[in-house]
């Protein structure tokens, strides 16, 4: 098989790039090692910045998002038994975020690829990129016991943190930066009405908590837990009881509880790999960078990678201009590191760190007090939360 752009990874990043390029007449093939049902079974973030929303419109995949997604003008930070609101729309001059689950977004992209006859190959095992530093890179994979080869002009590695793309780059050609946090998020999905029309981030001495949602009948809640905990340590009853302890009394009293339909623990880490290009292999999304979910930057940082790649490939195929491809890594990383800074700051502001000294805790409290005493500080938070420009 021959194509113009070979994409490793059938998550939202790879599917979005494939859809955008296909609409411009640029051929792609997407290789995904899991089944479609498996990919759609992964529960992920659901806060989309304006740039991502615009990309979904450009990809002609926005109809259901526009109809079912929820536009949020702000969110709350709960602390010391009270709630302070961050007015995103007012602080940014009109910008908002869209709450729409990543699972639904991925489903929309799959449906669009299927409708256009896009080549998405599931259950592609042992995917490997070759000849990445030549003008004729190719991919190999195995499916149903048969070996296959795809010749292409460019390879996009959008296969996540544990994927093969980044690992295929020689160790002396890439630098990795990482911070692992001493806790994780225990998340519960339930068929209950959200406790608040806007997200609530809660700072508490017992640990962080988040009240989020997927719809008006589907809620997503999180609590900070030690890395030594497992899902088996937490019954539904224990989870709800601990969540209530970390919320202001009025919120806890209004919380509707119910059986969990999904429960998992996600460890938190910050990670960046530089550069995001090796020859004609380009990394995108979690393959190159991971953020703690506190700042809602993970999926949105991936969207900016796709934006830069899409326009760079468009320029290459339409006008022969390779400026965007040459500058991709530098441009993408500039925005990635800003997202890393914001996510790290939100995480350190709102979580309990077991190793913190009393001095550290006083600084954390002062940082929070300063935030709500300064409109400029709140403006900086809002600017980053709704998304910096691409």
Protein backbone atom coordinates (compact mmCIF):
# COMPACT_ATOMS: atom_id res chain seq x y z
CA UNK A 1 0.00 0.00 0.00
CA UNK A 2 1.13 3.56 -0.67
CA UNK A 3 -0.17 6.77 0.85
CA UNK A 4 1.02 10.31 1.44
CA UNK A 5 0.79 10.47 5.24
CA UNK A 6 0.95 7.39 7.45
CA UNK A 7 -0.51 7.95 10.92
CA UNK A 8 0.24 5.66 13.88
CA UNK A 9 -2.58 5.88 16.42
CA UNK A 10 -6.35 5.92 16.01
CA UNK A 11 -7.17 8.19 18.92
CA UNK A 12 -8.56 11.72 18.54
CA UNK A 13 -5.24 13.24 17.41
CA UNK A 14 -4.61 10.79 14.59
CA UNK A 15 -8.24 10.74 13.48
CA UNK A 16 -8.53 14.54 13.48
CA UNK A 17 -5.40 14.97 11.36
CA UNK A 18 -6.56 12.26 8.96
CA UNK A 19 -9.97 13.92 8.60
CA UNK A 20 -8.54 17.41 8.03
CA UNK A 21 -6.04 16.21 5.43
CA UNK A 22 -8.60 14.04 3.63
CA UNK A 23 -10.89 17.05 3.23
CA UNK A 24 -8.00 18.72 1.38
CA UNK A 25 -7.39 15.74 -0.90
CA UNK A 26 -4.28 14.52 0.95
CA UNK A 27 -4.23 10.75 1.37
CA UNK A 28 -3.75 9.17 4.80
CA UNK A 29 -3.79 5.75 6.42
CA UNK A 30 -4.36 5.39 10.17
CA UNK A 31 -2.99 2.33 12.00
CA UNK A 32 -4.52 1.51 15.40
CA UNK A 33 -3.46 -1.54 17.41
CA UNK A 34 -6.75 -1.80 19.33
CA UNK A 35 -10.34 -2.28 18.20
CA UNK A 36 -12.66 0.68 17.72
CA UNK A 37 -14.72 -0.42 20.74
CA UNK A 38 -11.59 -0.50 22.90
CA UNK A 39 -10.60 3.02 21.86
CA UNK A 40 -14.11 4.30 22.54
CA UNK A 41 -14.10 2.59 25.93
CA UNK A 42 -11.30 4.82 27.22
CA UNK A 43 -12.67 7.53 29.52
CA UNK A 44 -10.75 10.76 29.12
CA UNK A 45 -10.99 14.52 29.58
CA UNK A 46 -13.89 16.57 28.34
CA UNK A 47 -12.94 20.26 28.49
CA UNK A 48 -12.21 21.65 25.01
CA UNK A 49 -10.62 25.03 24.41
CA UNK A 50 -11.75 27.32 21.60
CA UNK A 51 -8.96 26.22 19.27
CA UNK A 52 -10.07 22.59 19.45
CA UNK A 53 -13.70 23.54 18.88
CA UNK A 54 -12.69 25.48 15.76
CA UNK A 55 -10.68 22.52 14.47
CA UNK A 56 -13.70 20.25 14.87
CA UNK A 57 -15.74 22.72 12.83
CA UNK A 58 -13.05 22.81 10.14
CA UNK A 59 -13.02 19.00 10.12
CA UNK A 60 -16.81 19.03 9.60
CA UNK A 61 -17.27 16.95 12.76
CA UNK A 62 -18.95 19.50 15.00
CA UNK A 63 -22.69 18.86 14.60
CA UNK A 64 -23.18 16.64 17.65
CA UNK A 65 -20.67 18.59 19.71
CA UNK A 66 -22.55 21.81 18.98
CA UNK A 67 -25.88 20.18 19.85
CA UNK A 68 -24.89 18.19 22.95
CA UNK A 69 -21.77 19.90 24.27
CA UNK A 70 -22.05 22.50 27.01
CA UNK A 71 -20.49 25.94 26.72
CA UNK A 72 -19.07 27.00 30.07
CA UNK A 73 -18.38 30.64 30.87
CA UNK A 74 -16.42 29.87 34.03
CA UNK A 75 -15.60 27.41 36.80
CA UNK A 76 -15.23 27.38 40.59
CA UNK A 77 -12.30 26.88 42.91
CA UNK A 78 -13.47 25.68 46.32
CA UNK A 79 -11.24 26.29 49.33
CA UNK A 80 -11.64 26.91 53.04
CA UNK A 81 -15.30 25.89 52.86
CA UNK A 82 -16.23 28.46 50.19
CA UNK A 83 -16.38 28.69 46.39
CA UNK A 84 -14.75 31.41 44.30
CA UNK A 85 -15.76 31.67 40.64
CA UNK A 86 -13.34 32.21 37.78
CA UNK A 87 -15.28 34.18 35.17
CA UNK A 88 -13.60 32.94 32.00
CA UNK A 89 -15.81 34.91 29.64
CA UNK A 90 -15.52 38.16 31.54
CA UNK A 91 -11.78 37.90 32.17
CA UNK A 92 -10.89 37.05 28.56
CA UNK A 93 -13.26 39.35 26.74
CA UNK A 94 -15.66 36.65 25.64
CA UNK A 95 -13.80 33.32 25.45
CA UNK A 96 -15.36 30.13 26.84
CA UNK A 97 -14.69 26.39 26.93
CA UNK A 98 -16.77 23.48 25.64
CA UNK A 99 -17.52 20.49 27.90
CA UNK A 100 -17.83 17.48 25.61
CA UNK A 101 -16.46 14.04 26.45
CA UNK A 102 -13.41 12.79 24.57
CA UNK A 103 -15.18 9.48 23.97
CA UNK A 104 -17.98 11.26 22.10
CA UNK A 105 -15.52 13.43 20.21
CA UNK A 106 -13.60 10.32 19.11
CA UNK A 107 -16.86 8.64 18.06
CA UNK A 108 -17.69 11.67 15.88
CA UNK A 109 -14.28 11.49 14.22
CA UNK A 110 -14.63 7.74 13.58
CA UNK A 111 -18.04 8.29 12.02
CA UNK A 112 -16.66 11.06 9.80
CA UNK A 113 -13.74 8.90 8.65
CA UNK A 114 -16.12 6.05 7.87
CA UNK A 115 -18.48 8.34 5.97
CA UNK A 116 -15.61 9.62 3.80
CA UNK A 117 -14.21 6.14 3.24
CA UNK A 118 -11.08 6.94 5.23
CA UNK A 119 -8.52 4.17 5.73
CA UNK A 120 -8.46 3.35 9.45
CA UNK A 121 -6.95 -0.08 10.07
CA UNK A 122 -7.75 -1.52 13.49
CA UNK A 123 -5.97 -4.39 15.23
CA UNK A 124 -2.75 -3.49 13.42
CA UNK A 125 -0.12 -5.28 15.48
CA UNK A 126 3.67 -4.81 15.71
CA UNK A 127 3.59 -1.46 13.90
CA UNK A 128 7.10 -0.20 13.10
CA UNK A 129 8.37 2.89 11.24
CA UNK A 130 11.43 2.55 9.02
CA UNK A 131 13.76 4.78 6.98
CA UNK A 132 12.56 7.86 8.81
CA UNK A 133 15.61 9.92 7.84
CA UNK A 134 15.20 9.17 4.13
CA UNK A 135 12.83 10.52 1.51
CA UNK A 136 11.05 7.16 1.42
CA UNK A 137 9.91 6.18 4.92
CA UNK A 138 7.58 3.25 5.37
CA UNK A 139 5.53 1.44 7.98
CA UNK A 140 5.09 -2.25 8.58
CA UNK A 141 2.42 -4.02 10.61
CA UNK A 142 0.81 -7.40 11.06
CA UNK A 143 -2.90 -8.15 10.88
CA UNK A 144 -4.60 -11.54 11.00
CA UNK A 145 -1.19 -13.20 10.77
CA UNK A 146 -0.25 -11.40 7.55
CA UNK A 147 2.56 -8.86 7.23
CA UNK A 148 1.83 -5.54 5.52
CA UNK A 149 3.85 -2.54 4.37
CA UNK A 150 2.79 1.07 3.77
CA UNK A 151 5.09 3.40 1.82
CA UNK A 152 4.51 7.08 2.58
CA UNK A 153 6.00 10.55 2.42
CA UNK A 154 5.63 11.30 6.13
CA UNK A 155 4.90 9.36 9.31
CA UNK A 156 2.92 10.89 12.17
CA UNK A 157 3.38 9.31 15.59
CA UNK A 158 0.11 9.91 17.46
CA UNK A 159 0.18 6.64 19.37
CA UNK A 160 0.38 7.87 22.94
CA UNK A 161 2.96 7.78 25.71
CA UNK A 162 3.54 4.02 25.46
CA UNK A 163 3.49 3.87 21.64
CA UNK A 164 6.25 2.80 19.29
CA UNK A 165 6.81 6.16 17.56
CA UNK A 166 8.89 7.97 20.18
CA UNK A 167 10.68 4.74 21.09
CA UNK A 168 11.79 4.40 17.45
CA UNK A 169 13.90 7.55 17.70
CA UNK A 170 17.53 6.84 18.68
CA UNK A 171 18.18 7.71 22.32
CA UNK A 172 20.95 10.16 21.42
CA UNK A 173 18.57 12.09 19.16
CA UNK A 174 15.89 12.87 21.73
CA UNK A 175 15.79 14.37 25.23
CA UNK A 176 13.07 13.53 27.73
CA UNK A 177 11.98 15.70 30.66
CA UNK A 178 9.74 14.24 33.34
CA UNK A 179 8.21 14.94 36.73
CA UNK A 180 6.18 12.21 38.43
CA UNK A 181 3.76 13.40 41.12
CA UNK A 182 3.35 11.45 44.39
CA UNK A 183 -0.39 10.85 43.90
CA UNK A 184 -3.05 9.92 41.38
CA UNK A 185 -6.67 10.74 40.60
CA UNK A 186 -9.37 8.22 41.45
CA UNK A 187 -12.14 8.91 38.96
CA UNK A 188 -15.76 7.74 39.05
CA UNK A 189 -18.31 8.03 36.25
CA UNK A 190 -21.95 7.85 37.36
CA UNK A 191 -25.40 8.31 35.84
CA UNK A 192 -26.23 11.19 38.14
CA UNK A 193 -27.07 14.84 37.68
CA UNK A 194 -23.94 17.03 38.02
CA UNK A 195 -23.76 18.78 41.38
CA UNK A 196 -22.93 22.10 39.70
CA UNK A 197 -23.61 23.64 36.28
CA UNK A 198 -19.89 24.51 36.13
CA UNK A 199 -16.82 22.53 37.16
CA UNK A 200 -15.65 22.74 40.76
CA UNK A 201 -11.95 22.35 41.58
CA UNK A 202 -11.61 21.77 45.32
CA UNK A 203 -8.53 22.31 47.46
CA UNK A 204 -8.75 20.57 50.84
CA UNK A 205 -6.29 19.46 53.49
CA UNK A 206 -7.39 15.85 52.85
CA UNK A 207 -6.53 16.23 49.16
CA UNK A 208 -7.78 17.62 45.87
CA UNK A 209 -11.23 16.88 44.38
CA UNK A 210 -12.92 17.75 41.09
CA UNK A 211 -16.61 17.82 40.20
CA UNK A 212 -16.98 17.52 36.44
CA UNK A 213 -19.55 16.22 33.98
CA UNK A 214 -20.14 14.63 30.60
CA UNK A 215 -23.79 15.68 30.25
CA UNK A 216 -26.73 16.71 32.41
CA UNK A 217 -27.26 13.04 33.32
CA UNK A 218 -23.64 11.81 33.41
CA UNK A 219 -21.20 13.06 36.03
CA UNK A 220 -17.46 12.59 36.43
CA UNK A 221 -15.85 13.04 39.85
CA UNK A 222 -12.25 12.73 41.02
CA UNK A 223 -10.36 12.65 44.30
CA UNK A 224 -6.62 12.73 44.93
CA UNK A 225 -5.33 9.39 46.28
CA UNK A 226 -1.88 7.95 47.11
CA UNK A 227 -0.13 6.04 44.35
CA UNK A 228 -0.23 2.97 46.57
CA UNK A 229 -4.05 2.85 46.40
CA UNK A 230 -5.90 0.61 43.96
CA UNK A 231 -9.47 0.69 42.68
CA UNK A 232 -10.25 -2.31 44.88
CA UNK A 233 -9.48 -0.18 47.94
CA UNK A 234 -12.39 2.11 47.14
CA UNK A 235 -16.00 1.01 47.27
CA UNK A 236 -18.57 3.40 45.80
CA UNK A 237 -19.72 4.28 49.30
CA UNK A 238 -16.17 5.11 50.44
CA UNK A 239 -15.59 7.25 47.36
CA UNK A 240 -18.75 9.32 47.81
CA UNK A 241 -18.06 9.80 51.52
CA UNK A 242 -14.54 11.04 50.88
CA UNK A 243 -15.63 13.32 48.04
CA UNK A 244 -18.21 14.96 50.31
CA UNK A 245 -15.56 15.59 52.97
CA UNK A 246 -13.51 17.62 50.48
CA UNK A 247 -16.36 19.80 49.18
CA UNK A 248 -17.97 22.88 50.76
CA UNK A 249 -21.00 21.88 52.90
CA UNK A 250 -23.59 23.30 50.50
CA UNK A 251 -22.10 21.36 47.59
CA UNK A 252 -21.75 18.15 49.59
CA UNK A 253 -25.38 18.38 50.69
CA UNK A 254 -26.54 18.76 47.07
CA UNK A 255 -24.40 15.90 45.71
CA UNK A 256 -26.42 13.13 44.04
CA UNK A 257 -24.72 9.76 44.39
CA UNK A 258 -25.21 6.46 42.59
CA UNK A 259 -23.47 3.30 41.38
CA UNK A 260 -20.24 3.86 39.46
CA UNK A 261 -20.30 2.78 35.82
CA UNK A 262 -16.54 3.27 35.49
CA UNK A 263 -13.84 3.64 38.12
CA UNK A 264 -10.11 4.03 37.60
CA UNK A 265 -6.96 5.58 39.05
CA UNK A 266 -4.69 7.69 36.84
CA UNK A 267 -1.19 8.58 38.06
CA UNK A 268 -0.11 12.17 37.39
CA UNK A 269 3.03 13.10 35.50
CA UNK A 270 4.52 15.94 33.48
CA UNK A 271 6.53 14.79 30.45
CA UNK A 272 8.05 16.37 27.35
CA UNK A 273 10.21 14.84 24.61
CA UNK A 274 12.35 17.12 22.43
CA UNK A 275 12.51 17.49 19.50
CA UNK A 276 9.12 16.40 18.15
CA UNK A 277 10.59 15.53 14.77
CA UNK A 278 13.10 12.93 13.63
CA UNK A 279 13.63 13.01 9.88
CA UNK A 280 10.21 12.49 8.35
CA UNK A 281 8.67 11.19 11.60
CA UNK A 282 6.64 13.79 13.49
CA UNK A 283 5.37 13.22 17.04
CA UNK A 284 2.02 14.57 18.20
CA UNK A 285 -0.01 14.52 21.39
CA UNK A 286 0.79 12.09 24.20
CA UNK A 287 3.57 10.51 22.15
CA UNK A 288 5.56 13.68 22.84
CA UNK A 289 4.08 15.23 25.96
CA UNK A 290 1.91 14.45 28.99
CA UNK A 291 0.44 16.90 31.50
CA UNK A 292 -1.37 16.35 34.78
CA UNK A 293 -5.08 16.79 34.03
CA UNK A 294 -5.59 19.65 36.50
CA UNK A 295 -5.30 22.36 33.86
CA UNK A 296 -7.31 20.51 31.16
CA UNK A 297 -4.39 20.87 28.73
CA UNK A 298 -3.72 17.28 27.60
CA UNK A 299 -6.13 16.86 24.70
CA UNK A 300 -5.91 20.57 23.94
CA UNK A 301 -2.11 20.50 23.67
CA UNK A 302 -2.50 17.62 21.21
CA UNK A 303 -4.94 19.76 19.21
CA UNK A 304 -2.34 22.48 18.74
CA UNK A 305 0.14 19.86 17.47
CA UNK A 306 -2.44 18.74 14.92
CA UNK A 307 -3.14 22.33 13.90
CA UNK A 308 0.55 22.97 13.19
CA UNK A 309 1.01 19.63 11.38
CA UNK A 310 -2.12 20.07 9.31
CA UNK A 311 -1.14 23.49 8.04
CA UNK A 312 2.48 22.45 7.49
CA UNK A 313 1.46 19.43 5.41
CA UNK A 314 -1.11 21.50 3.56
CA UNK A 315 1.57 24.02 2.61
CA UNK A 316 3.88 21.23 1.50
CA UNK A 317 1.38 19.49 -0.76
CA UNK A 318 -0.41 22.56 -2.08
CA UNK A 319 2.45 25.02 -2.61
CA UNK A 320 5.68 23.09 -2.02
CA UNK A 321 6.45 25.28 1.01
CA UNK A 322 8.22 23.26 3.72
CA UNK A 323 8.66 26.14 6.18
CA UNK A 324 5.93 24.78 8.46
CA UNK A 325 7.40 21.28 8.51
CA UNK A 326 10.88 22.61 9.30
CA UNK A 327 9.52 24.79 12.12
CA UNK A 328 7.01 22.26 13.48
CA UNK A 329 8.96 21.00 16.48
CA UNK A 330 10.06 24.43 17.66
CA UNK A 331 6.60 25.95 17.22
CA UNK A 332 4.75 23.04 18.83
CA UNK A 333 7.13 22.84 21.78
CA UNK A 334 6.82 26.56 22.51
CA UNK A 335 3.10 26.05 23.15
CA UNK A 336 3.58 22.66 24.81
CA UNK A 337 5.87 24.12 27.47
CA UNK A 338 3.37 26.89 28.22
CA UNK A 339 0.74 24.21 28.73
CA UNK A 340 3.17 22.32 30.96
CA UNK A 341 3.76 25.40 33.08
CA UNK A 342 0.05 26.05 33.52
CA UNK A 343 -0.77 22.41 34.35
CA UNK A 344 2.12 22.23 36.85
CA UNK A 345 0.97 25.48 38.47
CA UNK A 346 -2.66 24.36 38.78
CA UNK A 347 -1.50 21.03 40.22
CA UNK A 348 0.81 22.56 42.81
CA UNK A 349 -1.82 25.16 43.74
CA UNK A 350 -4.65 22.74 44.47
CA UNK A 351 -3.18 19.42 45.61
CA UNK A 352 -1.84 18.25 48.96
CA UNK A 353 1.82 17.25 48.71
CA UNK A 354 2.87 14.81 51.46
CA UNK A 355 6.48 16.05 51.39
CA UNK A 356 5.57 19.74 51.76
CA UNK A 357 7.01 21.64 54.70
CA UNK A 358 4.96 24.14 56.68
CA UNK A 359 6.73 26.84 54.65
CA UNK A 360 5.58 25.21 51.39
CA UNK A 361 2.00 25.01 52.67
CA UNK A 362 1.98 28.67 53.66
CA UNK A 363 3.22 29.64 50.18
CA UNK A 364 0.51 27.51 48.60
CA UNK A 365 -2.17 29.19 50.68
CA UNK A 366 -0.73 32.64 49.92
CA UNK A 367 -0.72 31.86 46.20
CA UNK A 368 -4.41 30.98 46.37
CA UNK A 369 -5.26 34.11 48.37
CA UNK A 370 -3.32 36.27 45.94
CA UNK A 371 -5.12 34.72 42.97
CA UNK A 372 -8.51 35.92 44.19
CA UNK A 373 -7.21 39.33 45.25
CA UNK A 374 -5.85 40.21 41.80
CA UNK A 375 -7.87 40.51 38.61
CA UNK A 376 -4.63 40.34 36.62
CA UNK A 377 -3.73 37.02 38.26
CA UNK A 378 -7.23 35.69 37.55
CA UNK A 379 -6.91 36.98 33.99
CA UNK A 380 -3.73 34.97 33.48
CA UNK A 381 -5.46 31.82 34.78
CA UNK A 382 -8.46 32.42 32.51
CA UNK A 383 -6.29 33.14 29.45
CA UNK A 384 -4.46 29.85 29.85
CA UNK A 385 -7.58 27.83 30.69
CA UNK A 386 -9.54 28.87 27.59
CA UNK A 387 -6.40 28.22 25.52
CA UNK A 388 -3.56 30.29 24.17
CA UNK A 389 -3.72 31.09 20.47
CA UNK A 390 -2.16 28.62 18.02
